[in-house]
Amino acid sequence: MNISHTRRRAAAALALALSFAAVAPQARAADAGEPFGPGCAALPKQGPGSPSVMAGQPVATAAAGNPALSTLASAVKQAGLVDTLNNAEGITVFAPTDEAFAKIPKADLDKVLADKAALTKILTYHVVGSTVDKPDLADGSFTSLEGGTLTTSGSGDSYKVNGTAAIVCGDVATSNATVHVVDTVLMPK
């Protein structure tokens, strides 16, 4: 009985050591720009909209495949920005979720969606012409493609844009952009 108990403890210790070894590379990968934030759990694990699929697609195409970004994808298409975003290199997109768009009264949203110039102004305000990764978010100030300024603040896995929009899932990589999914549509001033 003692030998059996000792073998079980040794097996358990070996299994624990192997599990730590398996986790170590993942921890290093997480430090290298893996998606972060509470909303990342809602990303599909595989297929369209999953981090592995999005990483191989340009940003507008990747957003169109993500079920949480369907309103954004439709707005980008309506504004005629698909090719512009897909052909840009090294950009960052602060991508509002469908729930973010749902916060806007329907009449107001319909009015903006029908006005290509206003829609383009709002959408390009969500795009920065350089890479903005998690380390840049703690106390950042960035010029958007629209020409306005976006500010970021926070720490750990909790960051805000312009003091109001929470980044629910940040550092999602696409083939040409970094995406930070936000819970509020950002409005240029």
N, C-alpha and C. Protein backbone atom coordinates (compact mmCIF):
# COMPACT_ATOMS: atom_id res chain seq x y z
N MET A 1 0.81 -1.18 0.00
CA MET A 1 0.00 0.00 0.00
C MET A 1 0.86 1.26 0.00
N ASN A 2 1.93 1.25 0.77
CA ASN A 2 2.84 2.39 0.81
C ASN A 2 3.50 2.64 -0.53
N ILE A 3 3.90 1.58 -1.22
CA ILE A 3 4.55 1.71 -2.53
C ILE A 3 3.57 2.27 -3.54
N SER A 4 2.34 1.79 -3.51
CA SER A 4 1.32 2.29 -4.43
C SER A 4 1.06 3.78 -4.20
N HIS A 5 0.98 4.17 -2.94
CA HIS A 5 0.75 5.58 -2.60
C HIS A 5 1.92 6.45 -3.06
N THR A 6 3.13 5.97 -2.88
CA THR A 6 4.34 6.69 -3.30
C THR A 6 4.38 6.82 -4.82
N ARG A 7 4.01 5.78 -5.53
CA ARG A 7 3.99 5.84 -7.01
C ARG A 7 2.96 6.86 -7.50
N ARG A 8 1.81 6.87 -6.85
CA ARG A 8 0.78 7.84 -7.24
C ARG A 8 1.26 9.27 -7.01
N ARG A 9 1.93 9.52 -5.89
CA ARG A 9 2.46 10.85 -5.62
C ARG A 9 3.53 11.23 -6.64
N ALA A 10 4.39 10.28 -6.98
CA ALA A 10 5.44 10.54 -7.97
C ALA A 10 4.81 10.83 -9.33
N ALA A 11 3.78 10.07 -9.70
CA ALA A 11 3.10 10.30 -10.98
C ALA A 11 2.43 11.67 -10.99
N ALA A 12 1.82 12.02 -9.86
CA ALA A 12 1.17 13.33 -9.76
C ALA A 12 2.20 14.46 -9.87
N ALA A 13 3.34 14.29 -9.22
CA ALA A 13 4.40 15.30 -9.28
C ALA A 13 4.93 15.45 -10.70
N LEU A 14 5.09 14.31 -11.41
CA LEU A 14 5.56 14.35 -12.79
C LEU A 14 4.53 15.04 -13.69
N ALA A 15 3.25 14.71 -13.50
CA ALA A 15 2.20 15.35 -14.29
C ALA A 15 2.17 16.86 -14.05
N LEU A 16 2.34 17.26 -12.79
CA LEU A 16 2.36 18.68 -12.46
C LEU A 16 3.55 19.38 -13.12
N ALA A 17 4.73 18.75 -13.06
CA ALA A 17 5.92 19.32 -13.69
C ALA A 17 5.73 19.46 -15.19
N LEU A 18 5.14 18.45 -15.83
CA LEU A 18 4.89 18.51 -17.28
C LEU A 18 3.88 19.60 -17.62
N SER A 19 2.86 19.77 -16.77
CA SER A 19 1.87 20.81 -17.05
C SER A 19 2.49 22.20 -16.95
N PHE A 20 3.41 22.41 -15.99
CA PHE A 20 4.10 23.69 -15.91
C PHE A 20 4.98 23.91 -17.14
N ALA A 21 5.62 22.87 -17.61
CA ALA A 21 6.46 22.99 -18.80
C ALA A 21 5.62 23.34 -20.02
N ALA A 22 4.41 22.78 -20.09
CA ALA A 22 3.54 23.06 -21.22
C ALA A 22 3.00 24.48 -21.17
N VAL A 23 2.80 25.02 -19.97
CA VAL A 23 2.26 26.37 -19.82
C VAL A 23 3.32 27.43 -20.07
N ALA A 24 4.57 27.15 -19.78
CA ALA A 24 5.63 28.15 -19.90
C ALA A 24 5.70 28.78 -21.28
N PRO A 25 5.67 28.02 -22.41
CA PRO A 25 5.72 28.68 -23.70
C PRO A 25 4.50 29.56 -23.95
N GLN A 26 3.32 29.16 -23.43
CA GLN A 26 2.13 29.97 -23.61
C GLN A 26 2.26 31.28 -22.86
N ALA A 27 2.86 31.25 -21.68
CA ALA A 27 3.03 32.48 -20.92
C ALA A 27 3.95 33.44 -21.67
N ARG A 28 5.01 32.92 -22.28
CA ARG A 28 5.89 33.78 -23.06
C ARG A 28 5.14 34.35 -24.27
N ALA A 29 4.31 33.53 -24.91
CA ALA A 29 3.54 34.01 -26.06
C ALA A 29 2.58 35.12 -25.65
N ALA A 30 1.97 34.98 -24.46
CA ALA A 30 1.03 35.99 -24.00
C ALA A 30 1.72 37.32 -23.79
N ASP A 31 2.99 37.28 -23.36
CA ASP A 31 3.73 38.52 -23.17
C ASP A 31 4.09 39.16 -24.51
N ALA A 32 3.99 38.41 -25.60
CA ALA A 32 4.41 38.89 -26.91
C ALA A 32 3.24 39.39 -27.74
N GLY A 33 2.17 39.85 -27.11
CA GLY A 33 1.09 40.47 -27.86
C GLY A 33 -0.12 39.59 -28.11
N GLU A 34 -0.34 38.59 -27.29
CA GLU A 34 -1.55 37.77 -27.42
C GLU A 34 -2.76 38.62 -27.04
N PRO A 35 -3.94 38.30 -27.57
CA PRO A 35 -5.14 39.04 -27.19
C PRO A 35 -5.34 39.04 -25.67
N PHE A 36 -5.84 40.15 -25.14
CA PHE A 36 -6.09 40.28 -23.71
C PHE A 36 -7.43 40.96 -23.49
N GLY A 37 -8.01 40.74 -22.33
CA GLY A 37 -9.24 41.41 -21.94
C GLY A 37 -10.39 40.44 -21.77
N PRO A 38 -11.41 40.86 -21.02
CA PRO A 38 -12.52 39.98 -20.70
C PRO A 38 -13.35 39.56 -21.91
N GLY A 39 -13.38 40.37 -22.93
CA GLY A 39 -14.18 40.04 -24.12
C GLY A 39 -13.53 39.03 -25.04
N CYS A 40 -12.26 38.72 -24.82
CA CYS A 40 -11.57 37.76 -25.69
C CYS A 40 -12.17 36.36 -25.59
N ALA A 41 -12.75 36.04 -24.44
CA ALA A 41 -13.36 34.72 -24.26
C ALA A 41 -14.53 34.52 -25.23
N ALA A 42 -15.12 35.62 -25.70
CA ALA A 42 -16.25 35.51 -26.63
C ALA A 42 -15.82 35.30 -28.08
N LEU A 43 -14.52 35.45 -28.36
CA LEU A 43 -14.05 35.20 -29.73
C LEU A 43 -14.23 33.73 -30.07
N PRO A 44 -14.62 33.43 -31.30
CA PRO A 44 -14.70 32.02 -31.69
C PRO A 44 -13.34 31.34 -31.49
N LYS A 45 -13.37 30.10 -31.05
CA LYS A 45 -12.11 29.37 -30.81
C LYS A 45 -11.46 28.92 -32.11
N GLN A 46 -12.28 28.69 -33.14
CA GLN A 46 -11.76 28.30 -34.44
C GLN A 46 -12.71 28.79 -35.52
N GLY A 47 -12.23 28.81 -36.74
CA GLY A 47 -13.05 29.26 -37.86
C GLY A 47 -13.11 30.78 -37.95
N PRO A 48 -14.04 31.31 -38.77
CA PRO A 48 -14.14 32.76 -38.97
C PRO A 48 -14.27 33.52 -37.65
N GLY A 49 -13.51 34.60 -37.52
CA GLY A 49 -13.57 35.41 -36.32
C GLY A 49 -12.65 34.96 -35.21
N SER A 50 -12.03 33.79 -35.35
CA SER A 50 -11.10 33.31 -34.32
C SER A 50 -9.76 34.01 -34.52
N PRO A 51 -8.98 34.17 -33.44
CA PRO A 51 -7.68 34.84 -33.57
C PRO A 51 -6.77 34.21 -34.63
N SER A 52 -6.78 32.88 -34.75
CA SER A 52 -5.88 32.25 -35.73
C SER A 52 -6.30 32.57 -37.15
N VAL A 53 -7.59 32.62 -37.43
CA VAL A 53 -8.05 32.96 -38.78
C VAL A 53 -7.86 34.45 -39.04
N MET A 54 -8.21 35.30 -38.07
CA MET A 54 -8.05 36.75 -38.25
C MET A 54 -6.60 37.13 -38.51
N ALA A 55 -5.66 36.42 -37.89
CA ALA A 55 -4.24 36.74 -38.05
C ALA A 55 -3.77 36.60 -39.50
N GLY A 56 -4.45 35.78 -40.28
CA GLY A 56 -4.06 35.59 -41.68
C GLY A 56 -4.84 36.44 -42.67
N GLN A 57 -5.70 37.31 -42.17
CA GLN A 57 -6.55 38.13 -43.05
C GLN A 57 -6.28 39.62 -42.84
N PRO A 58 -6.49 40.43 -43.90
CA PRO A 58 -6.42 41.87 -43.69
C PRO A 58 -7.59 42.32 -42.81
N VAL A 59 -7.45 43.46 -42.19
CA VAL A 59 -8.34 43.87 -41.10
C VAL A 59 -9.82 43.96 -41.48
N ALA A 60 -10.18 44.54 -42.60
CA ALA A 60 -11.61 44.65 -42.94
C ALA A 60 -12.22 43.28 -43.20
N THR A 61 -11.46 42.41 -43.84
CA THR A 61 -11.92 41.04 -44.09
C THR A 61 -12.06 40.29 -42.77
N ALA A 62 -11.09 40.45 -41.88
CA ALA A 62 -11.13 39.79 -40.58
C ALA A 62 -12.34 40.26 -39.77
N ALA A 63 -12.62 41.56 -39.79
CA ALA A 63 -13.78 42.09 -39.06
C ALA A 63 -15.08 41.53 -39.63
N ALA A 64 -15.14 41.41 -40.94
CA ALA A 64 -16.35 40.89 -41.58
C ALA A 64 -16.62 39.44 -41.17
N GLY A 65 -15.58 38.69 -40.81
CA GLY A 65 -15.75 37.31 -40.39
C GLY A 65 -16.02 37.14 -38.91
N ASN A 66 -15.95 38.23 -38.16
CA ASN A 66 -16.15 38.15 -36.72
C ASN A 66 -17.59 38.51 -36.39
N PRO A 67 -18.35 37.58 -35.79
CA PRO A 67 -19.77 37.85 -35.52
C PRO A 67 -20.03 39.04 -34.61
N ALA A 68 -19.09 39.41 -33.75
CA ALA A 68 -19.28 40.54 -32.84
C ALA A 68 -19.03 41.89 -33.52
N LEU A 69 -18.49 41.85 -34.76
CA LEU A 69 -18.15 43.09 -35.46
C LEU A 69 -18.94 43.26 -36.77
N SER A 70 -20.09 42.64 -36.87
CA SER A 70 -20.84 42.67 -38.13
C SER A 70 -21.34 44.07 -38.48
N THR A 71 -21.76 44.86 -37.49
CA THR A 71 -22.21 46.23 -37.79
C THR A 71 -21.05 47.07 -38.28
N LEU A 72 -19.90 46.94 -37.64
CA LEU A 72 -18.71 47.66 -38.09
C LEU A 72 -18.35 47.26 -39.51
N ALA A 73 -18.36 45.97 -39.80
CA ALA A 73 -18.02 45.49 -41.14
C ALA A 73 -18.97 46.06 -42.18
N SER A 74 -20.26 46.10 -41.86
CA SER A 74 -21.25 46.68 -42.79
C SER A 74 -21.01 48.17 -42.99
N ALA A 75 -20.69 48.87 -41.92
CA ALA A 75 -20.43 50.32 -42.02
C ALA A 75 -19.19 50.60 -42.86
N VAL A 76 -18.13 49.79 -42.65
CA VAL A 76 -16.90 49.95 -43.44
C VAL A 76 -17.19 49.73 -44.92
N LYS A 77 -17.99 48.73 -45.23
CA LYS A 77 -18.36 48.46 -46.62
C LYS A 77 -19.18 49.61 -47.19
N GLN A 78 -20.15 50.09 -46.42
CA GLN A 78 -21.01 51.18 -46.88
C GLN A 78 -20.22 52.47 -47.11
N ALA A 79 -19.19 52.69 -46.32
CA ALA A 79 -18.36 53.89 -46.48
C ALA A 79 -17.33 53.74 -47.59
N GLY A 80 -17.21 52.55 -48.15
CA GLY A 80 -16.24 52.32 -49.21
C GLY A 80 -14.80 52.25 -48.70
N LEU A 81 -14.62 51.77 -47.46
CA LEU A 81 -13.29 51.76 -46.85
C LEU A 81 -12.65 50.37 -46.80
N VAL A 82 -13.30 49.36 -47.36
CA VAL A 82 -12.76 48.00 -47.28
C VAL A 82 -11.36 47.93 -47.88
N ASP A 83 -11.20 48.38 -49.13
CA ASP A 83 -9.89 48.31 -49.77
C ASP A 83 -8.86 49.19 -49.07
N THR A 84 -9.28 50.37 -48.63
CA THR A 84 -8.36 51.27 -47.93
C THR A 84 -7.79 50.60 -46.70
N LEU A 85 -8.66 49.99 -45.89
CA LEU A 85 -8.20 49.34 -44.66
C LEU A 85 -7.42 48.06 -44.96
N ASN A 86 -7.90 47.29 -45.92
CA ASN A 86 -7.22 46.03 -46.23
C ASN A 86 -5.83 46.24 -46.85
N ASN A 87 -5.61 47.37 -47.52
CA ASN A 87 -4.34 47.62 -48.18
C ASN A 87 -3.36 48.44 -47.33
N ALA A 88 -3.82 48.98 -46.22
CA ALA A 88 -2.94 49.74 -45.33
C ALA A 88 -2.03 48.76 -44.59
N GLU A 89 -0.86 49.23 -44.19
CA GLU A 89 0.08 48.38 -43.45
C GLU A 89 0.38 49.00 -42.08
N GLY A 90 0.45 48.16 -41.07
CA GLY A 90 0.86 48.60 -39.74
C GLY A 90 -0.08 49.57 -39.08
N ILE A 91 -1.39 49.40 -39.27
CA ILE A 91 -2.37 50.30 -38.67
C ILE A 91 -2.94 49.66 -37.40
N THR A 92 -3.67 50.46 -36.65
CA THR A 92 -4.40 49.98 -35.48
C THR A 92 -5.84 50.42 -35.62
N VAL A 93 -6.76 49.49 -35.35
CA VAL A 93 -8.18 49.78 -35.43
C VAL A 93 -8.80 49.56 -34.06
N PHE A 94 -9.47 50.59 -33.56
CA PHE A 94 -10.28 50.48 -32.35
C PHE A 94 -11.68 50.14 -32.84
N ALA A 95 -12.01 48.85 -32.77
CA ALA A 95 -13.20 48.31 -33.44
C ALA A 95 -14.40 48.19 -32.50
N PRO A 96 -15.44 49.01 -32.71
CA PRO A 96 -16.63 48.91 -31.86
C PRO A 96 -17.42 47.63 -32.14
N THR A 97 -17.89 47.02 -31.07
CA THR A 97 -18.71 45.81 -31.18
C THR A 97 -20.11 46.18 -31.67
N ASP A 98 -20.88 45.16 -32.01
CA ASP A 98 -22.28 45.38 -32.36
C ASP A 98 -23.03 46.03 -31.20
N GLU A 99 -22.69 45.62 -29.96
CA GLU A 99 -23.33 46.21 -28.78
C GLU A 99 -22.99 47.69 -28.65
N ALA A 100 -21.79 48.08 -29.07
CA ALA A 100 -21.41 49.49 -29.04
C ALA A 100 -22.30 50.30 -29.98
N PHE A 101 -22.52 49.76 -31.18
CA PHE A 101 -23.41 50.45 -32.13
C PHE A 101 -24.85 50.47 -31.62
N ALA A 102 -25.25 49.43 -30.88
CA ALA A 102 -26.61 49.36 -30.35
C ALA A 102 -26.88 50.43 -29.29
N LYS A 103 -25.83 51.00 -28.70
CA LYS A 103 -26.00 52.08 -27.72
C LYS A 103 -26.46 53.38 -28.38
N ILE A 104 -26.26 53.49 -29.69
CA ILE A 104 -26.66 54.70 -30.43
C ILE A 104 -28.14 54.55 -30.80
N PRO A 105 -28.95 55.56 -30.52
CA PRO A 105 -30.36 55.47 -30.90
C PRO A 105 -30.49 55.13 -32.40
N LYS A 106 -31.42 54.23 -32.72
CA LYS A 106 -31.56 53.71 -34.08
C LYS A 106 -31.71 54.83 -35.12
N ALA A 107 -32.50 55.84 -34.83
CA ALA A 107 -32.70 56.94 -35.79
C ALA A 107 -31.37 57.65 -36.07
N ASP A 108 -30.57 57.87 -35.02
CA ASP A 108 -29.27 58.53 -35.19
C ASP A 108 -28.31 57.64 -35.98
N LEU A 109 -28.29 56.35 -35.65
CA LEU A 109 -27.41 55.42 -36.36
C LEU A 109 -27.80 55.33 -37.84
N ASP A 110 -29.10 55.21 -38.12
CA ASP A 110 -29.56 55.14 -39.51
C ASP A 110 -29.16 56.40 -40.29
N LYS A 111 -29.25 57.55 -39.62
CA LYS A 111 -28.89 58.82 -40.27
C LYS A 111 -27.40 58.83 -40.63
N VAL A 112 -26.53 58.38 -39.72
CA VAL A 112 -25.09 58.35 -39.98
C VAL A 112 -24.77 57.33 -41.07
N LEU A 113 -25.41 56.17 -41.01
CA LEU A 113 -25.16 55.13 -42.01
C LEU A 113 -25.56 55.58 -43.41
N ALA A 114 -26.52 56.52 -43.49
CA ALA A 114 -26.97 57.02 -44.79
C ALA A 114 -26.12 58.20 -45.29
N ASP A 115 -25.25 58.73 -44.45
CA ASP A 115 -24.41 59.89 -44.80
C ASP A 115 -22.96 59.41 -44.93
N LYS A 116 -22.52 59.14 -46.15
CA LYS A 116 -21.20 58.55 -46.38
C LYS A 116 -20.07 59.41 -45.81
N ALA A 117 -20.17 60.72 -45.93
CA ALA A 117 -19.11 61.61 -45.42
C ALA A 117 -19.03 61.53 -43.89
N ALA A 118 -20.18 61.58 -43.22
CA ALA A 118 -20.19 61.50 -41.75
C ALA A 118 -19.72 60.12 -41.29
N LEU A 119 -20.17 59.08 -41.99
CA LEU A 119 -19.77 57.71 -41.65
C LEU A 119 -18.26 57.53 -41.81
N THR A 120 -17.71 58.04 -42.90
CA THR A 120 -16.27 57.93 -43.14
C THR A 120 -15.49 58.67 -42.04
N LYS A 121 -15.96 59.85 -41.66
CA LYS A 121 -15.31 60.63 -40.60
C LYS A 121 -15.29 59.84 -39.29
N ILE A 122 -16.40 59.24 -38.92
CA ILE A 122 -16.47 58.47 -37.67
C ILE A 122 -15.59 57.23 -37.75
N LEU A 123 -15.67 56.49 -38.85
CA LEU A 123 -14.89 55.26 -38.97
C LEU A 123 -13.39 55.51 -39.00
N THR A 124 -12.96 56.54 -39.73
CA THR A 124 -11.52 56.82 -39.79
C THR A 124 -10.99 57.37 -38.46
N TYR A 125 -11.88 57.88 -37.61
CA TYR A 125 -11.48 58.30 -36.27
C TYR A 125 -11.06 57.09 -35.43
N HIS A 126 -11.54 55.92 -35.77
CA HIS A 126 -11.22 54.69 -35.05
C HIS A 126 -9.92 54.04 -35.50
N VAL A 127 -9.23 54.66 -36.46
CA VAL A 127 -8.02 54.05 -37.05
C VAL A 127 -6.81 54.96 -36.81
N VAL A 128 -5.73 54.34 -36.36
CA VAL A 128 -4.46 55.03 -36.16
C VAL A 128 -3.48 54.48 -37.19
N GLY A 129 -2.69 55.34 -37.78
CA GLY A 129 -1.79 54.95 -38.87
C GLY A 129 -0.50 54.27 -38.44
N SER A 130 -0.44 53.79 -37.21
CA SER A 130 0.74 53.07 -36.72
C SER A 130 0.28 51.95 -35.80
N THR A 131 1.22 51.10 -35.43
CA THR A 131 0.89 49.99 -34.55
C THR A 131 0.83 50.47 -33.10
N VAL A 132 -0.29 50.19 -32.45
CA VAL A 132 -0.49 50.51 -31.04
C VAL A 132 -0.76 49.20 -30.32
N ASP A 133 0.24 48.71 -29.60
CA ASP A 133 0.10 47.47 -28.85
C ASP A 133 -0.15 47.75 -27.38
N LYS A 134 -0.42 46.69 -26.63
CA LYS A 134 -0.74 46.81 -25.20
C LYS A 134 0.22 47.72 -24.44
N PRO A 135 1.55 47.60 -24.61
CA PRO A 135 2.45 48.49 -23.85
C PRO A 135 2.25 49.97 -24.15
N ASP A 136 1.68 50.30 -25.31
CA ASP A 136 1.47 51.70 -25.69
C ASP A 136 0.19 52.29 -25.09
N LEU A 137 -0.67 51.44 -24.53
CA LEU A 137 -2.00 51.87 -24.11
C LEU A 137 -2.05 52.54 -22.73
N ALA A 138 -1.04 52.33 -21.89
CA ALA A 138 -1.09 52.82 -20.51
C ALA A 138 -1.34 54.32 -20.42
N ASP A 139 -0.69 55.08 -21.26
CA ASP A 139 -0.84 56.54 -21.25
C ASP A 139 -0.52 57.05 -22.64
N GLY A 140 -1.40 56.75 -23.60
CA GLY A 140 -1.10 57.06 -24.99
C GLY A 140 -1.92 58.18 -25.57
N SER A 141 -1.37 58.78 -26.60
CA SER A 141 -2.06 59.81 -27.38
C SER A 141 -1.69 59.57 -28.83
N PHE A 142 -2.71 59.37 -29.68
CA PHE A 142 -2.48 58.97 -31.06
C PHE A 142 -3.34 59.78 -32.00
N THR A 143 -2.79 60.13 -33.15
CA THR A 143 -3.54 60.85 -34.17
C THR A 143 -4.26 59.82 -35.04
N SER A 144 -5.56 59.99 -35.19
CA SER A 144 -6.35 59.08 -36.00
C SER A 144 -6.24 59.47 -37.48
N LEU A 145 -6.65 58.56 -38.36
CA LEU A 145 -6.65 58.89 -39.79
C LEU A 145 -7.61 60.02 -40.10
N GLU A 146 -8.61 60.22 -39.26
CA GLU A 146 -9.57 61.32 -39.42
C GLU A 146 -8.90 62.65 -39.08
N GLY A 147 -7.81 62.59 -38.29
CA GLY A 147 -7.10 63.81 -37.93
C GLY A 147 -7.25 64.19 -36.47
N GLY A 148 -8.19 63.57 -35.77
CA GLY A 148 -8.39 63.84 -34.36
C GLY A 148 -7.42 63.05 -33.50
N THR A 149 -7.52 63.27 -32.20
CA THR A 149 -6.65 62.59 -31.25
C THR A 149 -7.43 61.57 -30.44
N LEU A 150 -6.84 60.38 -30.31
CA LEU A 150 -7.37 59.34 -29.43
C LEU A 150 -6.42 59.22 -28.25
N THR A 151 -6.95 59.14 -27.04
CA THR A 151 -6.10 58.94 -25.87
C THR A 151 -6.45 57.59 -25.25
N THR A 152 -5.45 56.96 -24.65
CA THR A 152 -5.66 55.69 -23.97
C THR A 152 -5.05 55.76 -22.59
N SER A 153 -5.64 55.00 -21.68
CA SER A 153 -5.13 54.94 -20.31
C SER A 153 -5.51 53.61 -19.70
N GLY A 154 -4.76 53.20 -18.68
CA GLY A 154 -5.07 51.98 -17.96
C GLY A 154 -3.84 51.19 -17.63
N SER A 155 -4.07 49.96 -17.17
CA SER A 155 -2.97 49.06 -16.82
C SER A 155 -3.49 47.63 -16.78
N GLY A 156 -2.56 46.68 -16.68
CA GLY A 156 -2.94 45.27 -16.63
C GLY A 156 -3.68 44.87 -17.88
N ASP A 157 -4.92 44.42 -17.72
CA ASP A 157 -5.77 44.09 -18.86
C ASP A 157 -6.96 45.04 -18.96
N SER A 158 -6.90 46.19 -18.28
CA SER A 158 -8.01 47.13 -18.25
C SER A 158 -7.57 48.48 -18.82
N TYR A 159 -8.09 48.80 -20.02
CA TYR A 159 -7.71 50.04 -20.69
C TYR A 159 -8.96 50.74 -21.22
N LYS A 160 -8.87 52.06 -21.29
CA LYS A 160 -9.96 52.87 -21.84
C LYS A 160 -9.42 53.73 -22.97
N VAL A 161 -10.30 54.04 -23.91
CA VAL A 161 -10.00 54.96 -24.99
C VAL A 161 -10.85 56.21 -24.76
N ASN A 162 -10.21 57.35 -24.80
CA ASN A 162 -10.87 58.64 -24.56
C ASN A 162 -11.61 58.67 -23.23
N GLY A 163 -11.15 57.88 -22.28
CA GLY A 163 -11.72 57.88 -20.94
C GLY A 163 -13.07 57.23 -20.80
N THR A 164 -13.68 56.78 -21.90
CA THR A 164 -15.03 56.22 -21.81
C THR A 164 -15.18 54.83 -22.42
N ALA A 165 -14.52 54.56 -23.51
CA ALA A 165 -14.69 53.28 -24.20
C ALA A 165 -13.70 52.25 -23.65
N ALA A 166 -14.22 51.16 -23.12
CA ALA A 166 -13.35 50.11 -22.59
C ALA A 166 -12.87 49.21 -23.72
N ILE A 167 -11.60 48.83 -23.67
CA ILE A 167 -11.08 47.83 -24.60
C ILE A 167 -11.47 46.48 -24.01
N VAL A 168 -12.39 45.79 -24.68
CA VAL A 168 -12.88 44.51 -24.17
C VAL A 168 -12.02 43.34 -24.63
N CYS A 169 -11.33 43.52 -25.75
CA CYS A 169 -10.38 42.51 -26.23
C CYS A 169 -9.34 43.24 -27.06
N GLY A 170 -8.12 43.29 -26.57
CA GLY A 170 -7.08 44.04 -27.25
C GLY A 170 -6.01 43.15 -27.85
N ASP A 171 -5.20 43.76 -28.69
CA ASP A 171 -4.07 43.10 -29.35
C ASP A 171 -4.49 41.90 -30.20
N VAL A 172 -5.62 42.00 -30.88
CA VAL A 172 -6.02 40.97 -31.84
C VAL A 172 -5.29 41.27 -33.14
N ALA A 173 -4.49 40.33 -33.58
CA ALA A 173 -3.67 40.56 -34.78
C ALA A 173 -4.42 40.18 -36.04
N THR A 174 -4.25 41.01 -37.08
CA THR A 174 -4.65 40.64 -38.43
C THR A 174 -3.37 40.73 -39.27
N SER A 175 -3.46 40.40 -40.55
CA SER A 175 -2.24 40.40 -41.36
C SER A 175 -1.65 41.79 -41.54
N ASN A 176 -2.46 42.83 -41.35
CA ASN A 176 -1.94 44.19 -41.56
C ASN A 176 -2.26 45.17 -40.45
N ALA A 177 -2.86 44.69 -39.36
CA ALA A 177 -3.29 45.63 -38.33
C ALA A 177 -3.35 44.98 -36.96
N THR A 178 -3.34 45.83 -35.95
CA THR A 178 -3.66 45.43 -34.58
C THR A 178 -5.06 45.93 -34.31
N VAL A 179 -5.90 45.07 -33.74
CA VAL A 179 -7.29 45.44 -33.45
C VAL A 179 -7.50 45.44 -31.94
N HIS A 180 -8.10 46.53 -31.46
CA HIS A 180 -8.55 46.61 -30.07
C HIS A 180 -10.07 46.76 -30.14
N VAL A 181 -10.79 45.74 -29.69
CA VAL A 181 -12.25 45.75 -29.72
C VAL A 181 -12.74 46.59 -28.55
N VAL A 182 -13.60 47.59 -28.83
CA VAL A 182 -14.09 48.53 -27.81
C VAL A 182 -15.60 48.42 -27.66
N ASP A 183 -16.08 48.85 -26.48
CA ASP A 183 -17.51 48.70 -26.16
C ASP A 183 -18.33 49.95 -26.45
N THR A 184 -17.71 50.96 -27.06
CA THR A 184 -18.41 52.21 -27.36
C THR A 184 -17.91 52.76 -28.68
N VAL A 185 -18.82 53.30 -29.48
CA VAL A 185 -18.41 53.97 -30.72
C VAL A 185 -17.77 55.30 -30.34
N LEU A 186 -16.58 55.54 -30.86
CA LEU A 186 -15.84 56.77 -30.58
C LEU A 186 -16.30 57.86 -31.54
N MET A 187 -16.54 59.04 -31.01
CA MET A 187 -17.01 60.15 -31.85
C MET A 187 -15.94 61.23 -31.95
N PRO A 188 -15.59 61.60 -33.19
CA PRO A 188 -14.61 62.68 -33.36
C PRO A 188 -15.17 63.99 -32.83
N LYS A 189 -14.27 64.85 -32.37
CA LYS A 189 -14.71 66.14 -31.80
C LYS A 189 -14.67 67.21 -32.85
